[in-house]
Amino acid sequence: MSQTAVSDSTPEAPAASPSLVAPSVGASSIASSVEALIELFRGQLAEVRFPDVDADTLEEAASGVTAAADSVERARAALERAAEALRGEQRALREHARLAYRYAKVFATGNDELSAALDSISLDDPPAAKPKKRRGRKPKKVAGAAAVPQLALEEEPTPTAVAS
């Protein structure tokens, strides 16, 4: 049974109940104002139905947000595990390459061309990136800058009527 209600007064939204804010990751993806509105539709507006809007449709949409946020969190965790696995594989390859380099250096003894080729290879870790220098000009220092009047932004301008 549908009811349509229009009220002159705007009731204050009750505080979100603990059941609304679940400890899941997705709950934080829903704005507190939206949570308060959903809670209002669960309580005082539980029997009210607007076209395509009621407590059930709001909760369904909120469930979609929670599910999507949980999916994002699982993907982030999987990405972090994959990145850690990549770093481990890179460390293993680096150690294996160092071993191969040492063997090749011994093998290249007496072969100047191969020794030169090996000497041009550096297996050391690249140095940490230095912070980039700021580009552009330094700000100008203006003499008498204190004398420049500052705009008062605290007050809002009063609207003026335009005669037509």
N, C-alpha and C. Protein backbone atom coordinates (compact mmCIF):
# COMPACT_ATOMS: atom_id res chain seq x y z
N MET A 1 0.84 -1.17 0.00
CA MET A 1 0.00 0.00 0.00
C MET A 1 0.88 1.23 0.00
N SER A 2 0.68 2.13 -0.94
CA SER A 2 1.51 3.31 -1.09
C SER A 2 0.85 4.52 -0.48
N GLN A 3 1.67 5.29 0.19
CA GLN A 3 1.23 6.58 0.69
C GLN A 3 2.16 7.62 0.13
N THR A 4 1.63 8.78 -0.18
CA THR A 4 2.47 9.89 -0.58
C THR A 4 2.25 10.98 0.44
N ALA A 5 3.35 11.46 1.00
CA ALA A 5 3.23 12.46 2.05
C ALA A 5 4.05 13.68 1.69
N VAL A 6 3.48 14.81 1.99
CA VAL A 6 4.19 16.07 1.86
C VAL A 6 3.97 16.79 3.16
N SER A 7 5.04 17.21 3.78
CA SER A 7 4.93 17.85 5.08
C SER A 7 5.45 19.27 5.00
N ASP A 8 4.80 20.15 5.77
CA ASP A 8 5.26 21.54 5.82
C ASP A 8 6.49 21.68 6.70
N SER A 9 6.57 20.87 7.72
CA SER A 9 7.72 20.97 8.61
C SER A 9 8.76 19.93 8.20
N THR A 10 10.00 20.26 8.45
CA THR A 10 11.09 19.34 8.13
C THR A 10 11.57 18.74 9.43
N PRO A 11 11.29 17.45 9.68
CA PRO A 11 11.73 16.84 10.92
C PRO A 11 13.24 16.70 10.94
N GLU A 12 13.79 16.78 12.13
CA GLU A 12 15.23 16.62 12.27
C GLU A 12 15.57 15.16 12.10
N ALA A 13 16.64 14.91 11.39
CA ALA A 13 17.06 13.53 11.15
C ALA A 13 17.65 12.96 12.43
N PRO A 14 17.25 11.76 12.82
CA PRO A 14 17.83 11.16 14.02
C PRO A 14 19.27 10.77 13.75
N ALA A 15 20.03 10.61 14.80
CA ALA A 15 21.42 10.18 14.66
C ALA A 15 21.44 8.78 14.08
N ALA A 16 22.46 8.49 13.31
CA ALA A 16 22.57 7.18 12.68
C ALA A 16 22.74 6.12 13.75
N SER A 17 21.99 5.05 13.63
CA SER A 17 22.06 3.97 14.61
C SER A 17 23.30 3.13 14.34
N PRO A 18 23.76 2.40 15.35
CA PRO A 18 24.93 1.55 15.14
C PRO A 18 24.69 0.50 14.06
N SER A 19 23.44 0.06 13.86
CA SER A 19 23.19 -0.94 12.83
C SER A 19 23.40 -0.38 11.43
N LEU A 20 23.25 0.93 11.29
CA LEU A 20 23.42 1.55 9.98
C LEU A 20 24.90 1.62 9.60
N VAL A 21 25.73 1.90 10.56
CA VAL A 21 27.15 2.03 10.29
C VAL A 21 27.81 0.72 10.66
N ALA A 22 27.84 -0.18 9.71
CA ALA A 22 28.45 -1.48 9.94
C ALA A 22 29.96 -1.35 9.95
N PRO A 23 30.66 -2.25 10.61
CA PRO A 23 32.11 -2.14 10.67
C PRO A 23 32.78 -2.48 9.36
N SER A 24 32.01 -2.73 8.31
CA SER A 24 32.62 -3.08 7.03
C SER A 24 33.24 -1.85 6.38
N VAL A 25 34.10 -2.08 5.41
CA VAL A 25 34.78 -1.01 4.69
C VAL A 25 33.77 -0.17 3.92
N GLY A 26 32.74 -0.81 3.37
CA GLY A 26 31.78 -0.12 2.52
C GLY A 26 30.99 0.95 3.25
N ALA A 27 30.77 0.78 4.57
CA ALA A 27 29.96 1.73 5.31
C ALA A 27 30.59 3.12 5.26
N SER A 28 31.91 3.20 5.24
CA SER A 28 32.56 4.50 5.22
C SER A 28 32.43 5.17 3.86
N SER A 29 31.99 4.42 2.87
CA SER A 29 31.83 4.98 1.53
C SER A 29 30.49 5.69 1.36
N ILE A 30 29.65 5.61 2.35
CA ILE A 30 28.33 6.25 2.29
C ILE A 30 28.40 7.50 3.16
N ALA A 31 28.05 8.61 2.59
CA ALA A 31 28.09 9.89 3.32
C ALA A 31 27.18 9.82 4.53
N SER A 32 27.61 10.44 5.61
CA SER A 32 26.82 10.41 6.84
C SER A 32 25.45 11.05 6.64
N SER A 33 25.35 12.05 5.78
CA SER A 33 24.05 12.67 5.53
C SER A 33 23.11 11.69 4.83
N VAL A 34 23.66 10.87 3.93
CA VAL A 34 22.85 9.85 3.25
C VAL A 34 22.45 8.78 4.25
N GLU A 35 23.37 8.39 5.13
CA GLU A 35 23.04 7.42 6.18
C GLU A 35 21.90 7.94 7.05
N ALA A 36 21.96 9.21 7.40
CA ALA A 36 20.91 9.80 8.23
C ALA A 36 19.56 9.78 7.50
N LEU A 37 19.58 10.04 6.22
CA LEU A 37 18.34 10.02 5.43
C LEU A 37 17.77 8.61 5.36
N ILE A 38 18.63 7.63 5.15
CA ILE A 38 18.18 6.23 5.12
C ILE A 38 17.56 5.86 6.46
N GLU A 39 18.19 6.26 7.54
CA GLU A 39 17.66 5.99 8.87
C GLU A 39 16.30 6.66 9.07
N LEU A 40 16.13 7.83 8.54
CA LEU A 40 14.84 8.52 8.63
C LEU A 40 13.78 7.73 7.86
N PHE A 41 14.15 7.18 6.70
CA PHE A 41 13.21 6.36 5.93
C PHE A 41 12.96 5.01 6.61
N ARG A 42 13.85 4.56 7.44
CA ARG A 42 13.61 3.34 8.21
C ARG A 42 12.67 3.62 9.38
N GLY A 43 12.73 4.83 9.89
CA GLY A 43 11.95 5.18 11.08
C GLY A 43 10.68 5.94 10.75
N GLN A 44 10.74 7.24 10.85
CA GLN A 44 9.56 8.09 10.69
C GLN A 44 8.91 7.98 9.32
N LEU A 45 9.67 7.70 8.29
CA LEU A 45 9.12 7.62 6.93
C LEU A 45 9.02 6.18 6.44
N ALA A 46 8.99 5.21 7.35
CA ALA A 46 8.98 3.80 6.97
C ALA A 46 7.78 3.43 6.11
N GLU A 47 6.65 4.04 6.33
CA GLU A 47 5.44 3.70 5.58
C GLU A 47 5.23 4.59 4.37
N VAL A 48 6.12 5.52 4.13
CA VAL A 48 5.97 6.48 3.04
C VAL A 48 6.63 5.94 1.79
N ARG A 49 5.93 6.08 0.67
CA ARG A 49 6.46 5.65 -0.62
C ARG A 49 6.32 6.80 -1.60
N PHE A 50 7.44 7.21 -2.18
CA PHE A 50 7.43 8.20 -3.24
C PHE A 50 7.69 7.45 -4.54
N PRO A 51 7.46 8.07 -5.67
CA PRO A 51 7.76 7.36 -6.92
C PRO A 51 9.24 6.95 -6.97
N ASP A 52 9.49 5.67 -7.02
CA ASP A 52 10.83 5.09 -7.10
C ASP A 52 11.71 5.37 -5.89
N VAL A 53 11.13 5.85 -4.78
CA VAL A 53 11.94 6.15 -3.60
C VAL A 53 11.19 5.70 -2.36
N ASP A 54 11.83 4.82 -1.61
CA ASP A 54 11.35 4.44 -0.29
C ASP A 54 12.53 3.83 0.46
N ALA A 55 12.28 3.33 1.66
CA ALA A 55 13.37 2.78 2.48
C ALA A 55 14.07 1.63 1.74
N ASP A 56 13.28 0.78 1.08
CA ASP A 56 13.87 -0.37 0.39
C ASP A 56 14.80 0.05 -0.74
N THR A 57 14.39 1.03 -1.55
CA THR A 57 15.24 1.45 -2.68
C THR A 57 16.50 2.14 -2.18
N LEU A 58 16.37 2.90 -1.10
CA LEU A 58 17.56 3.56 -0.53
C LEU A 58 18.52 2.51 0.03
N GLU A 59 17.98 1.52 0.74
CA GLU A 59 18.85 0.48 1.31
C GLU A 59 19.49 -0.36 0.21
N GLU A 60 18.76 -0.61 -0.86
CA GLU A 60 19.31 -1.35 -1.99
C GLU A 60 20.47 -0.59 -2.63
N ALA A 61 20.30 0.72 -2.81
CA ALA A 61 21.37 1.54 -3.39
C ALA A 61 22.57 1.59 -2.44
N ALA A 62 22.30 1.69 -1.13
CA ALA A 62 23.39 1.71 -0.16
C ALA A 62 24.13 0.38 -0.15
N SER A 63 23.40 -0.72 -0.32
CA SER A 63 24.04 -2.04 -0.39
C SER A 63 24.95 -2.12 -1.61
N GLY A 64 24.52 -1.51 -2.71
CA GLY A 64 25.36 -1.49 -3.91
C GLY A 64 26.66 -0.74 -3.67
N VAL A 65 26.57 0.38 -2.96
CA VAL A 65 27.77 1.16 -2.65
C VAL A 65 28.69 0.35 -1.73
N THR A 66 28.10 -0.29 -0.73
CA THR A 66 28.90 -1.09 0.20
C THR A 66 29.59 -2.23 -0.52
N ALA A 67 28.85 -2.91 -1.41
CA ALA A 67 29.45 -4.02 -2.16
C ALA A 67 30.58 -3.53 -3.06
N ALA A 68 30.38 -2.40 -3.72
CA ALA A 68 31.42 -1.85 -4.60
C ALA A 68 32.65 -1.45 -3.79
N ALA A 69 32.43 -0.84 -2.62
CA ALA A 69 33.56 -0.42 -1.78
C ALA A 69 34.32 -1.64 -1.27
N ASP A 70 33.59 -2.69 -0.90
CA ASP A 70 34.25 -3.92 -0.46
C ASP A 70 35.06 -4.53 -1.59
N SER A 71 34.52 -4.48 -2.80
CA SER A 71 35.23 -4.99 -3.97
C SER A 71 36.51 -4.21 -4.21
N VAL A 72 36.44 -2.91 -4.06
CA VAL A 72 37.62 -2.06 -4.21
C VAL A 72 38.66 -2.42 -3.16
N GLU A 73 38.22 -2.63 -1.93
CA GLU A 73 39.16 -2.96 -0.86
C GLU A 73 39.83 -4.31 -1.11
N ARG A 74 39.04 -5.29 -1.58
CA ARG A 74 39.63 -6.59 -1.91
C ARG A 74 40.63 -6.45 -3.06
N ALA A 75 40.29 -5.63 -4.04
CA ALA A 75 41.21 -5.41 -5.17
C ALA A 75 42.49 -4.74 -4.71
N ARG A 76 42.37 -3.78 -3.82
CA ARG A 76 43.57 -3.11 -3.28
C ARG A 76 44.46 -4.10 -2.55
N ALA A 77 43.84 -4.97 -1.74
CA ALA A 77 44.61 -5.96 -1.00
C ALA A 77 45.30 -6.92 -1.97
N ALA A 78 44.58 -7.35 -3.01
CA ALA A 78 45.17 -8.24 -4.01
C ALA A 78 46.31 -7.54 -4.74
N LEU A 79 46.13 -6.27 -5.05
CA LEU A 79 47.19 -5.51 -5.72
C LEU A 79 48.43 -5.42 -4.83
N GLU A 80 48.23 -5.19 -3.55
CA GLU A 80 49.37 -5.09 -2.64
C GLU A 80 50.10 -6.44 -2.55
N ARG A 81 49.33 -7.54 -2.50
CA ARG A 81 49.97 -8.86 -2.47
C ARG A 81 50.75 -9.11 -3.77
N ALA A 82 50.17 -8.74 -4.90
CA ALA A 82 50.84 -8.92 -6.19
C ALA A 82 52.10 -8.05 -6.27
N ALA A 83 52.02 -6.83 -5.77
CA ALA A 83 53.18 -5.93 -5.80
C ALA A 83 54.29 -6.49 -4.92
N GLU A 84 53.93 -7.05 -3.76
CA GLU A 84 54.94 -7.64 -2.88
C GLU A 84 55.57 -8.86 -3.55
N ALA A 85 54.76 -9.66 -4.23
CA ALA A 85 55.30 -10.81 -4.96
C ALA A 85 56.25 -10.34 -6.06
N LEU A 86 55.88 -9.27 -6.75
CA LEU A 86 56.75 -8.71 -7.80
C LEU A 86 58.09 -8.27 -7.20
N ARG A 87 58.04 -7.56 -6.08
CA ARG A 87 59.29 -7.12 -5.44
C ARG A 87 60.15 -8.31 -5.05
N GLY A 88 59.54 -9.40 -4.57
CA GLY A 88 60.30 -10.61 -4.22
C GLY A 88 60.94 -11.24 -5.44
N GLU A 89 60.19 -11.31 -6.51
CA GLU A 89 60.74 -11.88 -7.76
C GLU A 89 61.87 -11.01 -8.30
N GLN A 90 61.72 -9.69 -8.18
CA GLN A 90 62.78 -8.79 -8.64
C GLN A 90 64.05 -8.97 -7.81
N ARG A 91 63.89 -9.12 -6.48
CA ARG A 91 65.06 -9.36 -5.63
C ARG A 91 65.74 -10.67 -6.01
N ALA A 92 64.95 -11.72 -6.24
CA ALA A 92 65.51 -13.02 -6.62
C ALA A 92 66.25 -12.92 -7.96
N LEU A 93 65.66 -12.23 -8.93
CA LEU A 93 66.31 -12.06 -10.23
C LEU A 93 67.61 -11.29 -10.09
N ARG A 94 67.60 -10.24 -9.27
CA ARG A 94 68.81 -9.43 -9.08
C ARG A 94 69.94 -10.29 -8.50
N GLU A 95 69.61 -11.12 -7.50
CA GLU A 95 70.64 -11.99 -6.91
C GLU A 95 71.13 -13.02 -7.93
N HIS A 96 70.23 -13.57 -8.71
CA HIS A 96 70.61 -14.54 -9.73
C HIS A 96 71.48 -13.88 -10.79
N ALA A 97 71.14 -12.65 -11.17
CA ALA A 97 71.93 -11.92 -12.16
C ALA A 97 73.32 -11.62 -11.62
N ARG A 98 73.43 -11.31 -10.34
CA ARG A 98 74.75 -11.05 -9.74
C ARG A 98 75.62 -12.30 -9.78
N LEU A 99 75.01 -13.45 -9.51
CA LEU A 99 75.74 -14.71 -9.58
C LEU A 99 76.20 -14.97 -11.01
N ALA A 100 75.30 -14.75 -11.96
CA ALA A 100 75.65 -14.93 -13.37
C ALA A 100 76.77 -13.99 -13.78
N TYR A 101 76.75 -12.78 -13.28
CA TYR A 101 77.78 -11.78 -13.59
C TYR A 101 79.14 -12.25 -13.08
N ARG A 102 79.13 -12.74 -11.83
CA ARG A 102 80.41 -13.19 -11.26
C ARG A 102 80.97 -14.37 -12.06
N TYR A 103 80.13 -15.31 -12.43
CA TYR A 103 80.59 -16.43 -13.26
C TYR A 103 81.12 -15.93 -14.61
N ALA A 104 80.39 -15.02 -15.22
CA ALA A 104 80.79 -14.50 -16.53
C ALA A 104 82.12 -13.75 -16.44
N LYS A 105 82.36 -13.05 -15.35
CA LYS A 105 83.64 -12.32 -15.17
C LYS A 105 84.80 -13.31 -15.14
N VAL A 106 84.63 -14.42 -14.44
CA VAL A 106 85.69 -15.43 -14.39
C VAL A 106 85.88 -16.04 -15.78
N PHE A 107 84.79 -16.34 -16.45
CA PHE A 107 84.83 -16.94 -17.78
C PHE A 107 85.50 -16.00 -18.79
N ALA A 108 85.31 -14.67 -18.61
CA ALA A 108 85.83 -13.69 -19.56
C ALA A 108 87.31 -13.40 -19.38
N THR A 109 87.95 -14.02 -18.41
CA THR A 109 89.37 -13.80 -18.19
C THR A 109 90.13 -14.14 -19.47
N GLY A 110 90.88 -13.17 -19.97
CA GLY A 110 91.66 -13.35 -21.19
C GLY A 110 90.90 -12.93 -22.44
N ASN A 111 89.62 -12.63 -22.34
CA ASN A 111 88.85 -12.18 -23.50
C ASN A 111 88.49 -10.71 -23.26
N ASP A 112 89.31 -9.84 -23.89
CA ASP A 112 89.16 -8.40 -23.64
C ASP A 112 87.79 -7.88 -24.08
N GLU A 113 87.28 -8.37 -25.19
CA GLU A 113 85.99 -7.88 -25.70
C GLU A 113 84.85 -8.24 -24.74
N LEU A 114 84.85 -9.48 -24.27
CA LEU A 114 83.80 -9.91 -23.35
C LEU A 114 83.95 -9.21 -22.00
N SER A 115 85.20 -9.04 -21.55
CA SER A 115 85.44 -8.32 -20.29
C SER A 115 84.95 -6.89 -20.37
N ALA A 116 85.19 -6.24 -21.52
CA ALA A 116 84.73 -4.85 -21.70
C ALA A 116 83.21 -4.79 -21.69
N ALA A 117 82.57 -5.77 -22.33
CA ALA A 117 81.10 -5.80 -22.35
C ALA A 117 80.57 -5.98 -20.93
N LEU A 118 81.20 -6.86 -20.16
CA LEU A 118 80.75 -7.07 -18.77
C LEU A 118 81.04 -5.85 -17.91
N ASP A 119 82.15 -5.19 -18.15
CA ASP A 119 82.50 -3.99 -17.37
C ASP A 119 81.51 -2.86 -17.60
N SER A 120 80.84 -2.86 -18.75
CA SER A 120 79.88 -1.78 -19.04
C SER A 120 78.54 -2.01 -18.34
N ILE A 121 78.38 -3.18 -17.72
CA ILE A 121 77.12 -3.51 -17.03
C ILE A 121 77.30 -3.28 -15.54
N SER A 122 76.37 -2.54 -14.96
CA SER A 122 76.37 -2.30 -13.52
C SER A 122 75.11 -2.91 -12.93
N LEU A 123 75.28 -3.85 -12.03
CA LEU A 123 74.13 -4.50 -11.40
C LEU A 123 73.76 -3.88 -10.07
N ASP A 124 74.40 -2.79 -9.74
CA ASP A 124 74.06 -2.11 -8.49
C ASP A 124 72.66 -1.52 -8.61
N ASP A 125 72.00 -1.42 -7.49
CA ASP A 125 70.68 -0.80 -7.48
C ASP A 125 70.82 0.65 -7.90
N PRO A 126 69.87 1.16 -8.65
CA PRO A 126 69.96 2.57 -9.04
C PRO A 126 69.88 3.45 -7.79
N PRO A 127 70.59 4.58 -7.82
CA PRO A 127 70.54 5.47 -6.65
C PRO A 127 69.12 6.00 -6.46
N ALA A 128 68.81 6.30 -5.23
CA ALA A 128 67.49 6.85 -4.92
C ALA A 128 67.30 8.16 -5.67
N ALA A 129 66.11 8.35 -6.16
CA ALA A 129 65.82 9.56 -6.93
C ALA A 129 65.93 10.79 -6.04
N LYS A 130 66.61 11.78 -6.55
CA LYS A 130 66.73 13.03 -5.81
C LYS A 130 65.46 13.83 -6.02
N PRO A 131 65.07 14.59 -5.00
CA PRO A 131 63.88 15.42 -5.20
C PRO A 131 64.10 16.40 -6.34
N LYS A 132 63.09 16.56 -7.15
CA LYS A 132 63.22 17.46 -8.29
C LYS A 132 63.29 18.90 -7.81
N LYS A 133 64.13 19.66 -8.51
CA LYS A 133 64.24 21.07 -8.18
C LYS A 133 63.02 21.80 -8.71
N ARG A 134 62.59 22.79 -7.96
CA ARG A 134 61.48 23.61 -8.43
C ARG A 134 61.95 24.43 -9.60
N ARG A 135 61.11 24.49 -10.59
CA ARG A 135 61.45 25.27 -11.77
C ARG A 135 60.66 26.56 -11.73
N GLY A 136 61.15 27.53 -12.43
CA GLY A 136 60.44 28.79 -12.52
C GLY A 136 61.13 29.86 -11.72
N ARG A 137 60.53 31.00 -11.77
CA ARG A 137 61.12 32.15 -11.08
C ARG A 137 60.75 32.15 -9.61
N LYS A 138 61.63 32.78 -8.86
CA LYS A 138 61.32 33.01 -7.46
C LYS A 138 60.37 34.19 -7.40
N PRO A 139 59.50 34.22 -6.39
CA PRO A 139 58.57 35.35 -6.29
C PRO A 139 59.32 36.67 -6.11
N LYS A 140 58.81 37.69 -6.75
CA LYS A 140 59.44 39.00 -6.62
C LYS A 140 59.14 39.59 -5.26
N LYS A 141 60.10 40.30 -4.74
CA LYS A 141 59.89 41.02 -3.49
C LYS A 141 59.57 42.45 -3.88
N VAL A 142 58.38 42.88 -3.56
CA VAL A 142 57.93 44.20 -3.94
C VAL A 142 58.17 45.16 -2.77
N ALA A 143 58.85 46.26 -3.08
CA ALA A 143 59.07 47.28 -2.05
C ALA A 143 57.74 47.91 -1.70
N GLY A 144 57.50 48.08 -0.43
CA GLY A 144 56.27 48.72 0.01
C GLY A 144 55.05 47.82 -0.15
N ALA A 145 55.26 46.51 -0.13
CA ALA A 145 54.14 45.59 -0.31
C ALA A 145 53.13 45.71 0.80
N ALA A 146 53.56 46.17 1.95
CA ALA A 146 52.63 46.32 3.07
C ALA A 146 51.63 47.43 2.80
N ALA A 147 51.97 48.33 1.90
CA ALA A 147 51.07 49.44 1.63
C ALA A 147 49.95 49.06 0.67
N VAL A 148 50.02 47.87 0.06
CA VAL A 148 48.96 47.44 -0.87
C VAL A 148 47.72 47.11 -0.06
N PRO A 149 46.59 47.73 -0.39
CA PRO A 149 45.38 47.46 0.39
C PRO A 149 44.89 46.03 0.15
N GLN A 150 44.40 45.40 1.21
CA GLN A 150 43.87 44.05 1.14
C GLN A 150 42.36 44.13 1.01
N LEU A 151 41.80 43.22 0.23
CA LEU A 151 40.36 43.17 0.07
C LEU A 151 39.74 42.53 1.31
N ALA A 152 38.64 43.07 1.74
CA ALA A 152 37.93 42.49 2.87
C ALA A 152 37.01 41.40 2.33
N LEU A 153 37.33 40.16 2.65
CA LEU A 153 36.55 39.05 2.13
C LEU A 153 35.56 38.52 3.16
N GLU A 154 35.56 39.06 4.36
CA GLU A 154 34.69 38.57 5.40
C GLU A 154 33.23 38.92 5.13
N GLU A 155 32.97 40.07 4.53
CA GLU A 155 31.60 40.51 4.32
C GLU A 155 31.13 40.09 2.94
N GLU A 156 29.87 39.67 2.87
CA GLU A 156 29.30 39.35 1.57
C GLU A 156 28.75 40.64 0.99
N PRO A 157 28.88 40.79 -0.32
CA PRO A 157 28.35 42.00 -0.94
C PRO A 157 26.83 42.01 -0.85
N THR A 158 26.28 43.18 -0.67
CA THR A 158 24.83 43.27 -0.59
C THR A 158 24.30 43.41 -2.01
N PRO A 159 23.25 42.62 -2.33
CA PRO A 159 22.71 42.69 -3.68
C PRO A 159 22.04 44.04 -3.92
N THR A 160 22.21 44.53 -5.12
CA THR A 160 21.58 45.80 -5.47
C THR A 160 20.46 45.52 -6.46
N ALA A 161 19.39 46.25 -6.31
CA ALA A 161 18.24 46.07 -7.20
C ALA A 161 18.53 46.77 -8.52
N VAL A 162 18.15 46.13 -9.60
CA VAL A 162 18.33 46.69 -10.92
C VAL A 162 16.97 47.12 -11.43
N ALA A 163 16.85 48.40 -11.78
CA ALA A 163 15.57 48.91 -12.28
C ALA A 163 15.42 48.49 -13.73
N SER A 164 14.22 48.03 -14.06
CA SER A 164 14.00 47.63 -15.45
C SER A 164 12.96 48.47 -16.10
